Amino acid sequence: MRYAKRGRLRFTSHRDISRAVERAVRRAGIPVAYSAGFSPHPKISYAGAAPTGVASEAEYLEIGVTAQCDPDQVRQGLDASLPPGLDVLDVVEAGPGGLADRLEVSDWEVRLPGADRELAEVAVEKFLAAGTVEVERLTKKGPRRFDAREAVVRLTVSEGTARTAAQVQEEPCVILRMVVRHMTPAVRPDDVLTGLRLVADFAPPVPPEVTRLAQGPLDATTGALADPLGLDRDDTRGGEAEPAGEHVAG
């Protein structure tokens, strides 16, 4: 399943989103499978969730079910049961292979209201020219240093408009588009912004507006992202009878 996290819902924590999804699954009457053991949990797994405070058009999860389900009915039922801002965009019946393995890169849009485009372009040039750009982030295990440059496949600068919380009208802003490879530790857009500050002293005057536009496999030739659910939409991949037991809608 692909869903979007929009508007004020971008400030919702991953834990709250998972609770909302579990409630929506029950309301929609989806025959969700449960884990075994003393405290069974619904078999819902999330892949590559965006950080709190970040909007996204490409969040993914998988739901284990105990009976065959029509993907479009699942989409409509879940979308109607979730709050506005958590919008279900696509549901397919999962085929072979893990969904998480297909999410190789993310395409991010970072809007920087009030930033100077020329300074942004200089900073991006220096960042891309650098062999390594080490940044530090506070994690649950304490401060951690890692290379933010290695994960960045593509980074470009353009112009657009943005509206901050204190504004009624939109104003021109600098837009960074970045394709970032999924690595361990994960390199996030704010890590790239930290790298731009380190290499060129470039820092936006107000907090950025960050949106994940896509996740998926990376085409090494074109640099484009493919649809991670594309293989599951291929109705020519099988033909054999499906074994009884648990199914997955993802």
Protein backbone atom coordinates (compact mmCIF):
# COMPACT_ATOMS: atom_id res chain seq x y z
CA MET A 1 0.00 0.00 0.00
CA ARG A 2 1.19 3.50 -0.83
CA TYR A 3 -0.20 6.35 1.20
CA ALA A 4 0.45 10.07 1.60
CA LYS A 5 1.14 12.10 4.72
CA ARG A 6 -0.07 15.64 4.01
CA GLY A 7 -0.75 18.97 5.66
CA ARG A 8 -0.76 19.01 9.46
CA LEU A 9 -0.52 15.21 9.51
CA ARG A 10 3.16 15.54 8.63
CA PHE A 11 3.73 16.32 12.33
CA THR A 12 2.20 13.00 13.37
CA SER A 13 4.66 10.52 14.85
CA HIS A 14 5.14 7.10 13.29
CA ARG A 15 3.65 5.47 16.40
CA ASP A 16 0.46 7.54 16.08
CA ILE A 17 0.23 6.73 12.38
CA SER A 18 0.53 3.01 13.09
CA ARG A 19 -2.26 3.26 15.67
CA ALA A 20 -4.45 5.12 13.18
CA VAL A 21 -3.81 2.46 10.54
CA GLU A 22 -4.69 -0.36 12.95
CA ARG A 23 -7.97 1.35 13.84
CA ALA A 24 -8.72 1.96 10.15
CA VAL A 25 -8.08 -1.71 9.34
CA ARG A 26 -10.65 -2.72 11.94
CA ARG A 27 -13.20 -0.13 10.79
CA ALA A 28 -12.80 -1.18 7.17
CA GLY A 29 -13.41 -4.84 8.05
CA ILE A 30 -10.14 -6.06 6.53
CA PRO A 31 -9.38 -9.66 7.62
CA VAL A 32 -5.94 -8.82 8.99
CA ALA A 33 -3.66 -11.64 10.15
CA TYR A 34 -2.19 -11.61 13.66
CA SER A 35 1.14 -12.74 15.02
CA ALA A 36 1.35 -15.75 17.32
CA GLY A 37 2.31 -15.64 20.97
CA PHE A 38 1.02 -14.27 24.25
CA SER A 39 0.29 -10.78 22.87
CA PRO A 40 -0.77 -11.05 19.19
CA HIS A 41 -0.29 -8.01 16.98
CA PRO A 42 -1.78 -7.28 13.55
CA LYS A 43 0.67 -8.12 10.76
CA ILE A 44 1.26 -4.62 9.43
CA SER A 45 4.82 -3.68 8.48
CA TYR A 46 6.12 -0.26 7.42
CA ALA A 47 8.94 0.36 4.97
CA GLY A 48 11.11 3.47 5.00
CA ALA A 49 8.83 5.77 7.00
CA ALA A 50 9.52 9.51 6.64
CA PRO A 51 10.64 11.45 9.76
CA THR A 52 8.12 13.35 11.87
CA GLY A 53 7.57 16.85 10.47
CA VAL A 54 8.12 15.75 6.87
CA ALA A 55 5.31 15.46 4.33
CA SER A 56 5.28 12.54 1.91
CA GLU A 57 3.54 11.33 -1.22
CA ALA A 58 5.20 7.93 -1.05
CA GLU A 59 4.89 6.06 2.25
CA TYR A 60 4.58 2.27 2.06
CA LEU A 61 3.27 -0.54 4.23
CA GLU A 62 2.24 -4.18 3.92
CA ILE A 63 -0.77 -5.84 5.53
CA GLY A 64 -0.97 -9.58 6.05
CA VAL A 65 -4.54 -10.85 5.54
CA THR A 66 -6.21 -14.19 6.13
CA ALA A 67 -8.44 -14.16 3.04
CA GLN A 68 -8.29 -12.93 -0.54
CA CYS A 69 -9.16 -9.20 -0.73
CA ASP A 70 -9.97 -6.92 -3.63
CA PRO A 71 -7.20 -4.26 -3.65
CA ASP A 72 -9.53 -1.44 -4.74
CA GLN A 73 -12.01 -2.23 -1.97
CA VAL A 74 -9.16 -2.27 0.54
CA ARG A 75 -7.99 1.12 -0.73
CA GLN A 76 -11.44 2.67 -0.54
CA GLY A 77 -12.19 1.20 2.89
CA LEU A 78 -8.89 2.29 4.44
CA ASP A 79 -8.98 5.74 2.86
CA ALA A 80 -12.48 6.36 4.23
CA SER A 81 -11.43 5.16 7.70
CA LEU A 82 -8.25 7.22 8.02
CA PRO A 83 -8.21 10.93 8.98
CA PRO A 84 -7.83 13.54 6.19
CA GLY A 85 -4.14 13.97 5.49
CA LEU A 86 -3.42 10.24 5.67
CA ASP A 87 -4.59 9.38 2.17
CA VAL A 88 -4.41 5.90 0.66
CA LEU A 89 -3.21 6.22 -2.94
CA ASP A 90 -2.56 2.69 -4.16
CA VAL A 91 -3.10 -0.90 -3.02
CA VAL A 92 -1.96 -4.04 -4.84
CA GLU A 93 -1.78 -7.71 -3.97
CA ALA A 94 1.85 -8.43 -3.11
CA GLY A 95 3.84 -10.79 -5.26
CA PRO A 96 7.17 -12.50 -4.53
CA GLY A 97 9.99 -10.48 -3.02
CA GLY A 98 10.18 -8.02 -0.16
CA LEU A 99 8.83 -4.51 -0.60
CA ALA A 100 11.54 -2.94 1.56
CA ASP A 101 14.25 -4.30 -0.77
CA ARG A 102 12.78 -2.29 -3.66
CA LEU A 103 12.91 1.03 -1.83
CA GLU A 104 16.47 1.86 -2.80
CA VAL A 105 16.27 5.65 -3.03
CA SER A 106 13.99 8.58 -2.17
CA ASP A 107 13.23 11.66 -4.25
CA TRP A 108 12.91 14.69 -1.95
CA GLU A 109 11.71 18.24 -2.52
CA VAL A 110 13.02 20.83 -0.05
CA ARG A 111 11.52 24.34 -0.24
CA LEU A 112 13.62 27.10 1.33
CA PRO A 113 11.60 30.32 1.75
CA GLY A 114 13.72 33.46 1.75
CA ALA A 115 16.90 31.68 0.63
CA ASP A 116 19.23 33.13 -2.02
CA ARG A 117 19.35 31.03 -5.18
CA GLU A 118 22.90 32.01 -6.15
CA LEU A 119 24.21 31.07 -2.72
CA ALA A 120 22.27 27.80 -2.91
CA GLU A 121 23.78 26.97 -6.32
CA VAL A 122 27.32 27.65 -5.06
CA ALA A 123 26.70 25.48 -1.99
CA VAL A 124 25.32 22.62 -4.12
CA GLU A 125 28.31 22.78 -6.46
CA LYS A 126 30.73 22.57 -3.55
CA PHE A 127 28.78 19.75 -1.93
CA LEU A 128 28.70 17.66 -5.12
CA ALA A 129 32.39 18.32 -5.76
CA ALA A 130 33.39 17.13 -2.30
CA GLY A 131 34.65 13.60 -1.85
CA THR A 132 33.08 13.30 1.58
CA VAL A 133 30.94 15.61 3.71
CA GLU A 134 30.85 14.38 7.29
CA VAL A 135 27.90 15.50 9.39
CA GLU A 136 26.86 14.73 12.94
CA ARG A 137 23.38 13.85 14.16
CA LEU A 138 22.12 13.02 17.63
CA THR A 139 20.65 9.51 17.67
CA LYS A 140 19.17 7.33 20.39
CA LYS A 141 22.67 5.97 20.99
CA GLY A 142 24.22 9.43 21.17
CA PRO A 143 26.01 11.63 18.58
CA ARG A 144 26.94 9.85 15.35
CA ARG A 145 29.11 11.05 12.48
CA PHE A 146 28.64 9.83 8.91
CA ASP A 147 29.21 10.84 5.29
CA ALA A 148 26.19 12.69 3.86
CA ARG A 149 27.75 13.05 0.38
CA GLU A 150 27.97 9.33 -0.41
CA ALA A 151 24.20 8.84 -0.33
CA VAL A 152 23.30 11.75 -2.65
CA VAL A 153 22.72 10.53 -6.21
CA ARG A 154 21.42 13.84 -7.56
CA LEU A 155 21.01 17.37 -6.16
CA THR A 156 19.63 20.32 -8.13
CA VAL A 157 18.44 23.89 -7.49
CA SER A 158 15.37 25.64 -8.93
CA GLU A 159 12.85 28.30 -7.90
CA GLY A 160 9.21 28.13 -6.86
CA THR A 161 6.85 29.46 -4.22
CA ALA A 162 6.15 28.60 -0.60
CA ARG A 163 3.94 29.77 2.23
CA THR A 164 5.14 29.86 5.81
CA ALA A 165 2.85 29.61 8.83
CA ALA A 166 2.92 33.39 9.34
CA GLN A 167 2.05 34.24 5.73
CA VAL A 168 -1.20 34.51 3.85
CA GLN A 169 0.33 34.81 0.38
CA GLU A 170 3.01 32.66 -1.16
CA GLU A 171 6.47 34.08 -1.78
CA PRO A 172 9.34 33.02 -4.05
CA CYS A 173 11.63 30.37 -2.61
CA VAL A 174 14.57 28.19 -3.54
CA ILE A 175 13.74 24.54 -4.22
CA LEU A 176 16.24 21.74 -3.77
CA ARG A 177 15.48 18.40 -5.42
CA MET A 178 17.57 15.54 -4.16
CA VAL A 179 17.64 11.83 -4.89
CA VAL A 180 19.15 10.12 -1.85
CA ARG A 181 20.17 6.50 -1.61
CA HIS A 182 18.88 4.52 1.39
CA MET A 183 21.86 3.65 3.55
CA THR A 184 22.73 2.85 7.16
CA PRO A 185 22.64 5.22 8.90
CA ALA A 186 19.90 6.87 6.85
CA VAL A 187 20.84 10.19 5.25
CA ARG A 188 17.92 12.61 5.50
CA PRO A 189 17.32 15.97 3.80
CA ASP A 190 18.28 17.83 6.97
CA ASP A 191 21.63 16.01 6.89
CA VAL A 192 22.19 17.31 3.36
CA LEU A 193 21.29 20.83 4.52
CA THR A 194 23.82 20.45 7.32
CA GLY A 195 26.37 19.44 4.70
CA LEU A 196 25.61 22.54 2.62
CA ARG A 197 26.19 24.68 5.68
CA LEU A 198 29.50 22.96 6.39
CA VAL A 199 30.93 23.25 2.86
CA ALA A 200 29.61 26.73 1.96
CA ASP A 201 28.09 28.29 5.09
CA PHE A 202 24.68 28.12 3.39
CA ALA A 203 21.73 28.02 5.78
CA PRO A 204 18.06 28.83 5.05
CA PRO A 205 16.68 31.76 7.08
CA VAL A 206 13.53 29.82 8.10
CA PRO A 207 12.83 26.10 8.59
CA PRO A 208 12.56 24.21 5.29
CA GLU A 209 9.40 22.60 3.92
CA VAL A 210 10.31 19.00 3.10
CA THR A 211 8.25 16.54 1.03
CA ARG A 212 9.15 13.06 -0.11
CA LEU A 213 7.85 12.75 -3.67
CA ALA A 214 8.76 9.13 -4.41
CA GLN A 215 10.55 6.00 -3.24
CA GLY A 216 11.60 3.07 -5.33
CA PRO A 217 14.26 1.19 -7.26
CA LEU A 218 16.89 3.32 -8.98
CA ASP A 219 17.57 2.95 -12.69
CA ALA A 220 21.37 3.15 -12.82
CA THR A 221 21.30 4.23 -16.49
CA THR A 222 18.76 7.06 -16.36
CA GLY A 223 18.84 7.91 -12.67
CA ALA A 224 15.03 7.72 -12.57
CA LEU A 225 12.94 6.02 -9.89
CA ALA A 226 10.75 3.08 -10.84
CA ASP A 227 7.41 2.19 -9.26
CA PRO A 228 8.13 -0.23 -6.38
CA LEU A 229 4.67 -1.78 -6.82
CA GLY A 230 5.14 -2.26 -10.56
CA LEU A 231 6.12 -5.93 -10.28
CA ASP A 232 3.00 -6.65 -8.24
CA ARG A 233 0.84 -5.08 -10.95
CA ASP A 234 2.24 -7.46 -13.57
CA ASP A 235 -0.61 -9.92 -14.11
CA THR A 236 1.54 -12.06 -16.40
CA ARG A 237 3.92 -13.17 -13.64
CA GLY A 238 1.93 -16.16 -12.44
CA GLY A 239 -1.03 -18.24 -13.37
CA GLU A 240 -0.48 -20.91 -10.74
CA ALA A 241 -3.07 -21.45 -8.06
CA GLU A 242 -2.29 -19.44 -4.93
CA PRO A 243 -1.54 -21.56 -1.86
CA ALA A 244 -4.01 -21.46 0.99
CA GLY A 245 -3.18 -19.47 4.09
CA GLU A 246 -2.01 -15.93 4.59
CA HIS A 247 -2.02 -13.35 1.81
CA VAL A 248 -0.38 -9.95 1.74
CA ALA A 249 -1.87 -6.70 0.49
CA GLY A 250 0.93 -4.20 0.10
